[in-house]
Amino acid sequence: MNLQAIKSSVMKFMKDEEGLTIVEYAVAGGLITLGAVVAFVTLGTNVNTAITSLGCAVTGTPC
């Protein structure tokens, strides 16, 4: 492979925008996953607090 062919291949690779869509989907998927994790952690904390309060009310002990 000569220098001109290598240069042509590199330029073609640099102009190719198809790979950008894969990166965009990966970033979007990561953000969605992060949002789901935050939502589940928050929900879990709220449920734990409610159950603890309910248990304290039933047993009559201060929380």
PDB file of N, CA and C in Angstrom:
ATOM      1  N   MET A   1       0.846  -1.172   0.000  1.00  0.00           N
ATOM      2  CA  MET A   1       0.000   0.000   0.000  1.00  0.00           C
ATOM      3  C   MET A   1       0.894   1.238   0.000  1.00  0.00           C
ATOM      4  N   ASN A   2       0.634   2.128  -0.904  1.00  0.00           N
ATOM      5  CA  ASN A   2       1.467   3.322  -0.982  1.00  0.00           C
ATOM      6  C   ASN A   2       0.923   4.441  -0.084  1.00  0.00           C
ATOM      7  N   LEU A   3       1.688   5.485   0.024  1.00  0.00           N
ATOM      8  CA  LEU A   3       1.361   6.596   0.917  1.00  0.00           C
ATOM      9  C   LEU A   3       0.046   7.263   0.523  1.00  0.00           C
ATOM     10  N   GLN A   4      -0.202   7.397  -0.771  1.00  0.00           N
ATOM     11  CA  GLN A   4      -1.438   8.040  -1.232  1.00  0.00           C
ATOM     12  C   GLN A   4      -2.668   7.214  -0.840  1.00  0.00           C
ATOM     13  N   ALA A   5      -2.564   5.896  -0.919  1.00  0.00           N
ATOM     14  CA  ALA A   5      -3.685   5.025  -0.551  1.00  0.00           C
ATOM     15  C   ALA A   5      -3.955   5.106   0.952  1.00  0.00           C
ATOM     16  N   ILE A   6      -2.891   5.176   1.750  1.00  0.00           N
ATOM     17  CA  ILE A   6      -3.051   5.296   3.195  1.00  0.00           C
ATOM     18  C   ILE A   6      -3.715   6.625   3.539  1.00  0.00           C
ATOM     19  N   LYS A   7      -3.250   7.690   2.900  1.00  0.00           N
ATOM     20  CA  LYS A   7      -3.827   9.011   3.133  1.00  0.00           C
ATOM     21  C   LYS A   7      -5.295   9.027   2.744  1.00  0.00           C
ATOM     22  N   SER A   8      -5.625   8.408   1.635  1.00  0.00           N
ATOM     23  CA  SER A   8      -7.003   8.336   1.176  1.00  0.00           C
ATOM     24  C   SER A   8      -7.879   7.569   2.167  1.00  0.00           C
ATOM     25  N   SER A   9      -7.345   6.466   2.686  1.00  0.00           N
ATOM     26  CA  SER A   9      -8.097   5.669   3.658  1.00  0.00           C
ATOM     27  C   SER A   9      -8.332   6.438   4.951  1.00  0.00           C
ATOM     28  N   VAL A  10      -7.331   7.146   5.418  1.00  0.00           N
ATOM     29  CA  VAL A  10      -7.465   7.933   6.643  1.00  0.00           C
ATOM     30  C   VAL A  10      -8.478   9.051   6.448  1.00  0.00           C
ATOM     31  N   MET A  11      -8.421   9.733   5.324  1.00  0.00           N
ATOM     32  CA  MET A  11      -9.368  10.814   5.045  1.00  0.00           C
ATOM     33  C   MET A  11     -10.793  10.286   4.949  1.00  0.00           C
ATOM     34  N   LYS A  12     -10.965   9.131   4.347  1.00  0.00           N
ATOM     35  CA  LYS A  12     -12.287   8.513   4.242  1.00  0.00           C
ATOM     36  C   LYS A  12     -12.804   8.175   5.637  1.00  0.00           C
ATOM     37  N   PHE A  13     -11.939   7.638   6.484  1.00  0.00           N
ATOM     38  CA  PHE A  13     -12.327   7.300   7.851  1.00  0.00           C
ATOM     39  C   PHE A  13     -12.713   8.553   8.636  1.00  0.00           C
ATOM     40  N   MET A  14     -11.982   9.640   8.465  1.00  0.00           N
ATOM     41  CA  MET A  14     -12.251  10.874   9.196  1.00  0.00           C
ATOM     42  C   MET A  14     -13.578  11.509   8.775  1.00  0.00           C
ATOM     43  N   LYS A  15     -13.948  11.352   7.522  1.00  0.00           N
ATOM     44  CA  LYS A  15     -15.193  11.941   7.023  1.00  0.00           C
ATOM     45  C   LYS A  15     -16.410  11.064   7.299  1.00  0.00           C
ATOM     46  N   ASP A  16     -16.198   9.817   7.669  1.00  0.00           N
ATOM     47  CA  ASP A  16     -17.292   8.880   7.918  1.00  0.00           C
ATOM     48  C   ASP A  16     -18.012   9.275   9.204  1.00  0.00           C
ATOM     49  N   GLU A  17     -19.310   9.570   9.093  1.00  0.00           N
ATOM     50  CA  GLU A  17     -20.084   9.983  10.259  1.00  0.00           C
ATOM     51  C   GLU A  17     -20.962   8.864  10.793  1.00  0.00           C
ATOM     52  N   GLU A  18     -20.904   7.698  10.231  1.00  0.00           N
ATOM     53  CA  GLU A  18     -21.742   6.596  10.677  1.00  0.00           C
ATOM     54  C   GLU A  18     -21.403   6.176  12.104  1.00  0.00           C
ATOM     55  N   GLY A  19     -20.159   6.224  12.465  1.00  0.00           N
ATOM     56  CA  GLY A  19     -19.740   5.854  13.808  1.00  0.00           C
ATOM     57  C   GLY A  19     -20.258   6.799  14.872  1.00  0.00           C
ATOM     58  N   LEU A  20     -20.538   8.038  14.500  1.00  0.00           N
ATOM     59  CA  LEU A  20     -21.049   9.010  15.459  1.00  0.00           C
ATOM     60  C   LEU A  20     -22.400   8.590  15.998  1.00  0.00           C
ATOM     61  N   THR A  21     -23.235   7.983  15.178  1.00  0.00           N
ATOM     62  CA  THR A  21     -24.551   7.576  15.658  1.00  0.00           C
ATOM     63  C   THR A  21     -24.426   6.497  16.726  1.00  0.00           C
ATOM     64  N   ILE A  22     -23.469   5.614  16.589  1.00  0.00           N
ATOM     65  CA  ILE A  22     -23.263   4.578  17.589  1.00  0.00           C
ATOM     66  C   ILE A  22     -22.847   5.212  18.915  1.00  0.00           C
ATOM     67  N   VAL A  23     -21.961   6.184  18.849  1.00  0.00           N
ATOM     68  CA  VAL A  23     -21.521   6.877  20.066  1.00  0.00           C
ATOM     69  C   VAL A  23     -22.690   7.635  20.693  1.00  0.00           C
ATOM     70  N   GLU A  24     -23.501   8.275  19.869  1.00  0.00           N
ATOM     71  CA  GLU A  24     -24.653   9.008  20.388  1.00  0.00           C
ATOM     72  C   GLU A  24     -25.630   8.065  21.085  1.00  0.00           C
ATOM     73  N   TYR A  25     -25.885   6.908  20.492  1.00  0.00           N
ATOM     74  CA  TYR A  25     -26.772   5.927  21.124  1.00  0.00           C
ATOM     75  C   TYR A  25     -26.175   5.421  22.432  1.00  0.00           C
ATOM     76  N   ALA A  26     -24.873   5.224  22.476  1.00  0.00           N
ATOM     77  CA  ALA A  26     -24.221   4.753  23.698  1.00  0.00           C
ATOM     78  C   ALA A  26     -24.341   5.797  24.805  1.00  0.00           C
ATOM     79  N   VAL A  27     -24.143   7.060  24.476  1.00  0.00           N
ATOM     80  CA  VAL A  27     -24.265   8.135  25.471  1.00  0.00           C
ATOM     81  C   VAL A  27     -25.709   8.239  25.955  1.00  0.00           C
ATOM     82  N   ALA A  28     -26.666   8.192  25.027  1.00  0.00           N
ATOM     83  CA  ALA A  28     -28.081   8.256  25.411  1.00  0.00           C
ATOM     84  C   ALA A  28     -28.453   7.076  26.304  1.00  0.00           C
ATOM     85  N   GLY A  29     -27.977   5.889  25.961  1.00  0.00           N
ATOM     86  CA  GLY A  29     -28.258   4.711  26.775  1.00  0.00           C
ATOM     87  C   GLY A  29     -27.666   4.832  28.162  1.00  0.00           C
ATOM     88  N   GLY A  30     -26.466   5.385  28.246  1.00  0.00           N
ATOM     89  CA  GLY A  30     -25.831   5.598  29.541  1.00  0.00           C
ATOM     90  C   GLY A  30     -26.611   6.582  30.400  1.00  0.00           C
ATOM     91  N   LEU A  31     -27.096   7.650  29.786  1.00  0.00           N
ATOM     92  CA  LEU A  31     -27.874   8.643  30.534  1.00  0.00           C
ATOM     93  C   LEU A  31     -29.197   8.063  31.011  1.00  0.00           C
ATOM     94  N   ILE A  32     -29.839   7.265  30.180  1.00  0.00           N
ATOM     95  CA  ILE A  32     -31.098   6.622  30.571  1.00  0.00           C
ATOM     96  C   ILE A  32     -30.849   5.657  31.730  1.00  0.00           C
ATOM     97  N   THR A  33     -29.768   4.891  31.629  1.00  0.00           N
ATOM     98  CA  THR A  33     -29.433   3.960  32.704  1.00  0.00           C
ATOM     99  C   THR A  33     -29.146   4.703  33.998  1.00  0.00           C
ATOM    100  N   LEU A  34     -28.404   5.785  33.921  1.00  0.00           N
ATOM    101  CA  LEU A  34     -28.105   6.582  35.111  1.00  0.00           C
ATOM    102  C   LEU A  34     -29.384   7.138  35.727  1.00  0.00           C
ATOM    103  N   GLY A  35     -30.287   7.626  34.899  1.00  0.00           N
ATOM    104  CA  GLY A  35     -31.567   8.133  35.396  1.00  0.00           C
ATOM    105  C   GLY A  35     -32.385   7.053  36.079  1.00  0.00           C
ATOM    106  N   ALA A  36     -32.391   5.849  35.501  1.00  0.00           N
ATOM    107  CA  ALA A  36     -33.125   4.739  36.111  1.00  0.00           C
ATOM    108  C   ALA A  36     -32.521   4.364  37.458  1.00  0.00           C
ATOM    109  N   VAL A  37     -31.205   4.335  37.550  1.00  0.00           N
ATOM    110  CA  VAL A  37     -30.543   3.995  38.816  1.00  0.00           C
ATOM    111  C   VAL A  37     -30.880   5.031  39.881  1.00  0.00           C
ATOM    112  N   VAL A  38     -30.819   6.299  39.531  1.00  0.00           N
ATOM    113  CA  VAL A  38     -31.145   7.362  40.493  1.00  0.00           C
ATOM    114  C   VAL A  38     -32.602   7.239  40.940  1.00  0.00           C
ATOM    115  N   ALA A  39     -33.494   6.962  40.010  1.00  0.00           N
ATOM    116  CA  ALA A  39     -34.912   6.820  40.353  1.00  0.00           C
ATOM    117  C   ALA A  39     -35.132   5.643  41.298  1.00  0.00           C
ATOM    118  N   PHE A  40     -34.501   4.510  41.026  1.00  0.00           N
ATOM    119  CA  PHE A  40     -34.682   3.340  41.880  1.00  0.00           C
ATOM    120  C   PHE A  40     -34.069   3.540  43.267  1.00  0.00           C
ATOM    121  N   VAL A  41     -32.934   4.205  43.336  1.00  0.00           N
ATOM    122  CA  VAL A  41     -32.312   4.467  44.641  1.00  0.00           C
ATOM    123  C   VAL A  41     -33.205   5.399  45.456  1.00  0.00           C
ATOM    124  N   THR A  42     -33.715   6.440  44.829  1.00  0.00           N
ATOM    125  CA  THR A  42     -34.599   7.379  45.521  1.00  0.00           C
ATOM    126  C   THR A  42     -35.875   6.678  45.968  1.00  0.00           C
ATOM    127  N   LEU A  43     -36.457   5.898  45.087  1.00  0.00           N
ATOM    128  CA  LEU A  43     -37.672   5.163  45.427  1.00  0.00           C
ATOM    129  C   LEU A  43     -37.406   4.186  46.568  1.00  0.00           C
ATOM    130  N   GLY A  44     -36.289   3.486  46.509  1.00  0.00           N
ATOM    131  CA  GLY A  44     -35.936   2.544  47.569  1.00  0.00           C
ATOM    132  C   GLY A  44     -35.763   3.219  48.911  1.00  0.00           C
ATOM    133  N   THR A  45     -35.134   4.386  48.918  1.00  0.00           N
ATOM    134  CA  THR A  45     -34.940   5.142  50.160  1.00  0.00           C
ATOM    135  C   THR A  45     -36.284   5.584  50.727  1.00  0.00           C
ATOM    136  N   ASN A  46     -37.165   6.074  49.872  1.00  0.00           N
ATOM    137  CA  ASN A  46     -38.485   6.526  50.321  1.00  0.00           C
ATOM    138  C   ASN A  46     -39.314   5.361  50.861  1.00  0.00           C
ATOM    139  N   VAL A  47     -39.270   4.225  50.202  1.00  0.00           N
ATOM    140  CA  VAL A  47     -40.010   3.049  50.655  1.00  0.00           C
ATOM    141  C   VAL A  47     -39.441   2.562  51.989  1.00  0.00           C
ATOM    142  N   ASN A  48     -38.129   2.553  52.115  1.00  0.00           N
ATOM    143  CA  ASN A  48     -37.503   2.133  53.369  1.00  0.00           C
ATOM    144  C   ASN A  48     -37.922   3.049  54.519  1.00  0.00           C
ATOM    145  N   THR A  49     -37.949   4.342  54.281  1.00  0.00           N
ATOM    146  CA  THR A  49     -38.372   5.297  55.313  1.00  0.00           C
ATOM    147  C   THR A  49     -39.825   5.059  55.707  1.00  0.00           C
ATOM    148  N   ALA A  50     -40.682   4.840  54.739  1.00  0.00           N
ATOM    149  CA  ALA A  50     -42.099   4.609  55.021  1.00  0.00           C
ATOM    150  C   ALA A  50     -42.298   3.321  55.811  1.00  0.00           C
ATOM    151  N   ILE A  51     -41.609   2.273  55.447  1.00  0.00           N
ATOM    152  CA  ILE A  51     -41.746   0.992  56.157  1.00  0.00           C
ATOM    153  C   ILE A  51     -41.203   1.101  57.577  1.00  0.00           C
ATOM    154  N   THR A  52     -40.092   1.799  57.741  1.00  0.00           N
ATOM    155  CA  THR A  52     -39.527   1.999  59.083  1.00  0.00           C
ATOM    156  C   THR A  52     -40.493   2.790  59.959  1.00  0.00           C
ATOM    157  N   SER A  53     -41.072   3.849  59.414  1.00  0.00           N
ATOM    158  CA  SER A  53     -42.038   4.656  60.167  1.00  0.00           C
ATOM    159  C   SER A  53     -43.261   3.825  60.537  1.00  0.00           C
ATOM    160  N   LEU A  54     -43.732   3.012  59.623  1.00  0.00           N
ATOM    161  CA  LEU A  54     -44.875   2.151  59.883  1.00  0.00           C
ATOM    162  C   LEU A  54     -44.551   1.142  60.990  1.00  0.00           C
ATOM    163  N   GLY A  55     -43.359   0.562  60.918  1.00  0.00           N
ATOM    164  CA  GLY A  55     -42.945  -0.388  61.959  1.00  0.00           C
ATOM    165  C   GLY A  55     -42.843   0.264  63.319  1.00  0.00           C
ATOM    166  N   CYS A  56     -42.334   1.482  63.377  1.00  0.00           N
ATOM    167  CA  CYS A  56     -42.228   2.211  64.647  1.00  0.00           C
ATOM    168  C   CYS A  56     -43.621   2.546  65.179  1.00  0.00           C
ATOM    169  N   ALA A  57     -44.536   2.910  64.292  1.00  0.00           N
ATOM    170  CA  ALA A  57     -45.900   3.226  64.724  1.00  0.00           C
ATOM    171  C   ALA A  57     -46.610   1.997  65.275  1.00  0.00           C
ATOM    172  N   VAL A  58     -46.400   0.869  64.657  1.00  0.00           N
ATOM    173  CA  VAL A  58     -47.051  -0.361  65.099  1.00  0.00           C
ATOM    174  C   VAL A  58     -46.508  -0.799  66.456  1.00  0.00           C
ATOM    175  N   THR A  59     -45.196  -0.730  66.635  1.00  0.00           N
ATOM    176  CA  THR A  59     -44.595  -1.184  67.888  1.00  0.00           C
ATOM    177  C   THR A  59     -44.641  -0.125  68.982  1.00  0.00           C
ATOM    178  N   GLY A  60     -44.892   1.111  68.607  1.00  0.00           N
ATOM    179  CA  GLY A  60     -44.974   2.188  69.594  1.00  0.00           C
ATOM    180  C   GLY A  60     -43.617   2.705  70.038  1.00  0.00           C
ATOM    181  N   THR A  61     -42.545   2.394  69.302  1.00  0.00           N
ATOM    182  CA  THR A  61     -41.215   2.886  69.662  1.00  0.00           C
ATOM    183  C   THR A  61     -40.894   4.138  68.860  1.00  0.00           C
ATOM    184  N   PRO A  62     -40.152   5.061  69.457  1.00  0.00           N
ATOM    185  CA  PRO A  62     -39.759   6.272  68.691  1.00  0.00           C
ATOM    186  C   PRO A  62     -38.710   5.939  67.633  1.00  0.00           C
ATOM    187  N   CYS A  63     -38.784   6.619  66.550  1.00  0.00           N
ATOM    188  CA  CYS A  63     -37.814   6.392  65.450  1.00  0.00           C
ATOM    189  C   CYS A  63     -36.817   7.497  65.388  1.00  0.00           C
TER     190      CYS A  63
END
